[in-house]
Amino acid sequence: MATATSYSKTGAKHEANVRLEKSVFGLEANHQLVGQAYRTLPVRMKRLAIRHALSLRAESGAVAVIEAFNSLDGRVKPTVELLTKLGLEGSLVLVVAEKNHLLERATRNIEGLELVSAKYLNVYTVMNADHLVFTTEALEIVKTWLGEK
């Protein structure tokens, strides 16, 4: 005959934990909030938020535009030279039209630099960067994606 405390120490798979007075299986065991309504934001609201974040950065003078950023051999030295020529310090986000393995290789060892494709730009990256550097092609992609206003 099992006692009442035999389950409370280890707990069974489908038994409630008596000491915690709540269920240890189901949504709570997956570390999700119970009763929280999970909804995704509409695309219009996301675009509006990114548009506002970019506007704030542009007003503060934290946006720079370069003609092009190409790395034919994936070397870091030309990237460092470009950034020192621009005179930007702190955390930087380099927005390019499309990422490739050579661009990633040329930027991955530079501290504080993040390479982002124009289509994957988000509010978090925009607001957490000290400076944003766009290529002209990436800027055109962002303008068509967000709509010019």
C-alpha atoms as a PDB file:
ATOM      1  CA  MET A   1       0.000   0.000   0.000  1.00  0.00           C
ATOM      2  CA  ALA A   2       1.474   3.297  -1.130  1.00  0.00           C
ATOM      3  CA  THR A   3       1.399   6.267   1.159  1.00  0.00           C
ATOM      4  CA  ALA A   4       0.281   9.748   0.166  1.00  0.00           C
ATOM      5  CA  THR A   5       3.828  11.128   0.376  1.00  0.00           C
ATOM      6  CA  SER A   6       5.338   8.672  -2.086  1.00  0.00           C
ATOM      7  CA  TYR A   7       4.197  10.810  -5.042  1.00  0.00           C
ATOM      8  CA  SER A   8       4.935  14.188  -3.484  1.00  0.00           C
ATOM      9  CA  LYS A   9       8.711  13.643  -3.334  1.00  0.00           C
ATOM     10  CA  THR A  10       9.326  12.534  -6.893  1.00  0.00           C
ATOM     11  CA  GLY A  11       5.983  13.151  -8.545  1.00  0.00           C
ATOM     12  CA  ALA A  12       4.381  10.990 -11.145  1.00  0.00           C
ATOM     13  CA  LYS A  13       4.151  11.893 -14.795  1.00  0.00           C
ATOM     14  CA  HIS A  14       0.518  12.848 -14.639  1.00  0.00           C
ATOM     15  CA  GLU A  15       0.003  13.700 -10.990  1.00  0.00           C
ATOM     16  CA  ALA A  16      -0.175  17.172  -9.546  1.00  0.00           C
ATOM     17  CA  ASN A  17       2.600  18.151  -7.167  1.00  0.00           C
ATOM     18  CA  VAL A  18       0.922  18.598  -3.813  1.00  0.00           C
ATOM     19  CA  ARG A  19       3.618  20.842  -2.345  1.00  0.00           C
ATOM     20  CA  LEU A  20       3.578  23.319  -5.227  1.00  0.00           C
ATOM     21  CA  GLU A  21      -0.217  23.141  -5.571  1.00  0.00           C
ATOM     22  CA  LYS A  22       0.000  23.278  -9.334  1.00  0.00           C
ATOM     23  CA  SER A  23       0.414  20.966 -12.229  1.00  0.00           C
ATOM     24  CA  VAL A  24       3.958  20.049 -13.303  1.00  0.00           C
ATOM     25  CA  PHE A  25       2.961  18.793 -16.722  1.00  0.00           C
ATOM     26  CA  GLY A  26       1.465  20.420 -19.789  1.00  0.00           C
ATOM     27  CA  LEU A  27       2.177  24.001 -20.729  1.00  0.00           C
ATOM     28  CA  GLU A  28       3.868  24.902 -17.443  1.00  0.00           C
ATOM     29  CA  ALA A  29       6.436  22.125 -17.849  1.00  0.00           C
ATOM     30  CA  ASN A  30       7.385  23.611 -21.247  1.00  0.00           C
ATOM     31  CA  HIS A  31       8.126  26.969 -19.567  1.00  0.00           C
ATOM     32  CA  GLN A  32       5.350  28.781 -21.390  1.00  0.00           C
ATOM     33  CA  LEU A  33       3.050  31.273 -19.801  1.00  0.00           C
ATOM     34  CA  VAL A  34      -0.378  29.848 -19.025  1.00  0.00           C
ATOM     35  CA  GLY A  35      -3.299  32.081 -19.901  1.00  0.00           C
ATOM     36  CA  GLN A  36      -1.170  34.411 -22.019  1.00  0.00           C
ATOM     37  CA  ALA A  37      -2.699  35.122 -25.391  1.00  0.00           C
ATOM     38  CA  TYR A  38      -0.005  34.704 -28.023  1.00  0.00           C
ATOM     39  CA  ARG A  39      -0.659  36.731 -31.133  1.00  0.00           C
ATOM     40  CA  THR A  40       1.609  37.931 -33.835  1.00  0.00           C
ATOM     41  CA  LEU A  41       1.666  41.575 -34.804  1.00  0.00           C
ATOM     42  CA  PRO A  42       0.181  42.517 -38.128  1.00  0.00           C
ATOM     43  CA  VAL A  43       2.692  43.259 -40.872  1.00  0.00           C
ATOM     44  CA  ARG A  44       1.555  46.893 -41.070  1.00  0.00           C
ATOM     45  CA  MET A  45       2.383  47.423 -37.399  1.00  0.00           C
ATOM     46  CA  LYS A  46       5.808  45.799 -37.789  1.00  0.00           C
ATOM     47  CA  ARG A  47       6.629  47.999 -40.754  1.00  0.00           C
ATOM     48  CA  LEU A  48       5.426  51.076 -38.907  1.00  0.00           C
ATOM     49  CA  ALA A  49       7.640  50.228 -35.927  1.00  0.00           C
ATOM     50  CA  ILE A  50      10.702  49.738 -38.145  1.00  0.00           C
ATOM     51  CA  ARG A  51       9.901  52.971 -39.990  1.00  0.00           C
ATOM     52  CA  HIS A  52       9.736  54.886 -36.693  1.00  0.00           C
ATOM     53  CA  ALA A  53      12.959  53.317 -35.402  1.00  0.00           C
ATOM     54  CA  LEU A  54      14.789  54.241 -38.609  1.00  0.00           C
ATOM     55  CA  SER A  55      13.381  57.769 -38.445  1.00  0.00           C
ATOM     56  CA  LEU A  56      14.672  58.185 -34.898  1.00  0.00           C
ATOM     57  CA  ARG A  57      18.112  56.978 -35.924  1.00  0.00           C
ATOM     58  CA  ALA A  58      18.159  59.265 -38.964  1.00  0.00           C
ATOM     59  CA  GLU A  59      17.177  62.302 -36.857  1.00  0.00           C
ATOM     60  CA  SER A  60      19.989  61.592 -34.414  1.00  0.00           C
ATOM     61  CA  GLY A  61      22.518  61.358 -37.246  1.00  0.00           C
ATOM     62  CA  ALA A  62      23.294  57.686 -36.715  1.00  0.00           C
ATOM     63  CA  VAL A  63      22.650  56.593 -40.313  1.00  0.00           C
ATOM     64  CA  ALA A  64      25.327  56.534 -43.001  1.00  0.00           C
ATOM     65  CA  VAL A  65      25.014  55.459 -46.626  1.00  0.00           C
ATOM     66  CA  ILE A  66      27.871  54.021 -48.651  1.00  0.00           C
ATOM     67  CA  GLU A  67      27.833  53.288 -52.345  1.00  0.00           C
ATOM     68  CA  ALA A  68      28.667  49.589 -52.120  1.00  0.00           C
ATOM     69  CA  PHE A  69      30.269  47.034 -49.844  1.00  0.00           C
ATOM     70  CA  ASN A  70      31.832  44.099 -51.642  1.00  0.00           C
ATOM     71  CA  SER A  71      34.367  41.618 -50.444  1.00  0.00           C
ATOM     72  CA  LEU A  72      35.824  39.578 -53.241  1.00  0.00           C
ATOM     73  CA  ASP A  73      38.182  37.582 -51.037  1.00  0.00           C
ATOM     74  CA  GLY A  74      36.521  37.723 -47.598  1.00  0.00           C
ATOM     75  CA  ARG A  75      39.365  39.633 -45.924  1.00  0.00           C
ATOM     76  CA  VAL A  76      38.788  41.621 -42.744  1.00  0.00           C
ATOM     77  CA  LYS A  77      41.431  44.316 -43.308  1.00  0.00           C
ATOM     78  CA  PRO A  78      39.550  46.254 -46.047  1.00  0.00           C
ATOM     79  CA  THR A  79      36.427  46.222 -43.860  1.00  0.00           C
ATOM     80  CA  VAL A  80      38.334  47.661 -40.909  1.00  0.00           C
ATOM     81  CA  GLU A  81      39.870  50.310 -43.174  1.00  0.00           C
ATOM     82  CA  LEU A  82      36.425  51.282 -44.469  1.00  0.00           C
ATOM     83  CA  LEU A  83      35.005  51.627 -40.955  1.00  0.00           C
ATOM     84  CA  THR A  84      37.948  53.714 -39.745  1.00  0.00           C
ATOM     85  CA  LYS A  85      37.595  55.897 -42.853  1.00  0.00           C
ATOM     86  CA  LEU A  86      33.946  56.490 -41.956  1.00  0.00           C
ATOM     87  CA  GLY A  87      34.971  57.342 -38.375  1.00  0.00           C
ATOM     88  CA  LEU A  88      32.174  55.384 -36.722  1.00  0.00           C
ATOM     89  CA  GLU A  89      32.715  53.927 -33.265  1.00  0.00           C
ATOM     90  CA  GLY A  90      30.594  51.741 -31.021  1.00  0.00           C
ATOM     91  CA  SER A  91      28.166  49.096 -32.155  1.00  0.00           C
ATOM     92  CA  LEU A  92      27.556  49.153 -35.891  1.00  0.00           C
ATOM     93  CA  VAL A  93      24.992  47.495 -38.113  1.00  0.00           C
ATOM     94  CA  LEU A  94      25.992  47.080 -41.739  1.00  0.00           C
ATOM     95  CA  VAL A  95      22.897  46.629 -43.910  1.00  0.00           C
ATOM     96  CA  VAL A  96      23.540  45.022 -47.290  1.00  0.00           C
ATOM     97  CA  ALA A  97      21.206  43.916 -50.061  1.00  0.00           C
ATOM     98  CA  GLU A  98      22.075  40.230 -49.686  1.00  0.00           C
ATOM     99  CA  LYS A  99      24.471  38.418 -47.394  1.00  0.00           C
ATOM    100  CA  ASN A 100      26.924  35.894 -48.755  1.00  0.00           C
ATOM    101  CA  HIS A 101      29.661  33.825 -47.170  1.00  0.00           C
ATOM    102  CA  LEU A 102      32.419  36.237 -48.232  1.00  0.00           C
ATOM    103  CA  LEU A 103      30.682  39.226 -46.622  1.00  0.00           C
ATOM    104  CA  GLU A 104      30.072  37.248 -43.446  1.00  0.00           C
ATOM    105  CA  ARG A 105      33.697  36.185 -43.388  1.00  0.00           C
ATOM    106  CA  ALA A 106      34.880  39.771 -43.860  1.00  0.00           C
ATOM    107  CA  THR A 107      32.792  41.064 -40.942  1.00  0.00           C
ATOM    108  CA  ARG A 108      32.546  38.293 -38.365  1.00  0.00           C
ATOM    109  CA  ASN A 109      35.816  39.031 -36.508  1.00  0.00           C
ATOM    110  CA  ILE A 110      35.157  42.732 -36.023  1.00  0.00           C
ATOM    111  CA  GLU A 111      33.926  43.520 -32.548  1.00  0.00           C
ATOM    112  CA  GLY A 112      30.658  45.434 -32.422  1.00  0.00           C
ATOM    113  CA  LEU A 113      29.804  44.951 -36.096  1.00  0.00           C
ATOM    114  CA  GLU A 114      26.702  43.080 -37.205  1.00  0.00           C
ATOM    115  CA  LEU A 115      25.948  42.262 -40.826  1.00  0.00           C
ATOM    116  CA  VAL A 116      22.235  42.277 -41.689  1.00  0.00           C
ATOM    117  CA  SER A 117      20.394  41.671 -44.920  1.00  0.00           C
ATOM    118  CA  ALA A 118      17.976  44.471 -45.812  1.00  0.00           C
ATOM    119  CA  LYS A 119      14.996  42.127 -45.779  1.00  0.00           C
ATOM    120  CA  TYR A 120      15.783  40.952 -42.238  1.00  0.00           C
ATOM    121  CA  LEU A 121      16.150  44.366 -40.617  1.00  0.00           C
ATOM    122  CA  ASN A 122      14.164  44.625 -37.384  1.00  0.00           C
ATOM    123  CA  VAL A 123      13.464  47.147 -34.627  1.00  0.00           C
ATOM    124  CA  TYR A 124      15.729  45.445 -32.098  1.00  0.00           C
ATOM    125  CA  THR A 125      18.807  45.682 -34.333  1.00  0.00           C
ATOM    126  CA  VAL A 126      18.042  49.259 -35.335  1.00  0.00           C
ATOM    127  CA  MET A 127      17.559  50.534 -31.793  1.00  0.00           C
ATOM    128  CA  ASN A 128      20.485  48.685 -30.216  1.00  0.00           C
ATOM    129  CA  ALA A 129      23.058  49.907 -32.724  1.00  0.00           C
ATOM    130  CA  ASP A 130      24.979  53.128 -32.253  1.00  0.00           C
ATOM    131  CA  HIS A 131      25.306  53.584 -36.021  1.00  0.00           C
ATOM    132  CA  LEU A 132      23.623  52.117 -39.090  1.00  0.00           C
ATOM    133  CA  VAL A 133      25.519  51.847 -42.370  1.00  0.00           C
ATOM    134  CA  PHE A 134      23.421  51.140 -45.466  1.00  0.00           C
ATOM    135  CA  THR A 135      24.571  50.353 -48.969  1.00  0.00           C
ATOM    136  CA  THR A 136      22.610  52.223 -51.648  1.00  0.00           C
ATOM    137  CA  GLU A 137      21.102  48.996 -52.939  1.00  0.00           C
ATOM    138  CA  ALA A 138      20.020  47.969 -49.425  1.00  0.00           C
ATOM    139  CA  LEU A 139      18.503  51.392 -48.833  1.00  0.00           C
ATOM    140  CA  GLU A 140      16.402  51.040 -51.975  1.00  0.00           C
ATOM    141  CA  ILE A 141      15.203  47.615 -50.826  1.00  0.00           C
ATOM    142  CA  VAL A 142      14.216  49.013 -47.430  1.00  0.00           C
ATOM    143  CA  LYS A 143      12.435  51.971 -49.051  1.00  0.00           C
ATOM    144  CA  THR A 144      10.352  49.715 -51.284  1.00  0.00           C
ATOM    145  CA  TRP A 145       9.654  47.305 -48.432  1.00  0.00           C
ATOM    146  CA  LEU A 146       8.558  49.978 -45.938  1.00  0.00           C
ATOM    147  CA  GLY A 147       7.113  52.429 -48.424  1.00  0.00           C
ATOM    148  CA  GLU A 148       8.441  55.943 -48.735  1.00  0.00           C
ATOM    149  CA  LYS A 149       6.683  58.461 -46.490  1.00  0.00           C
END
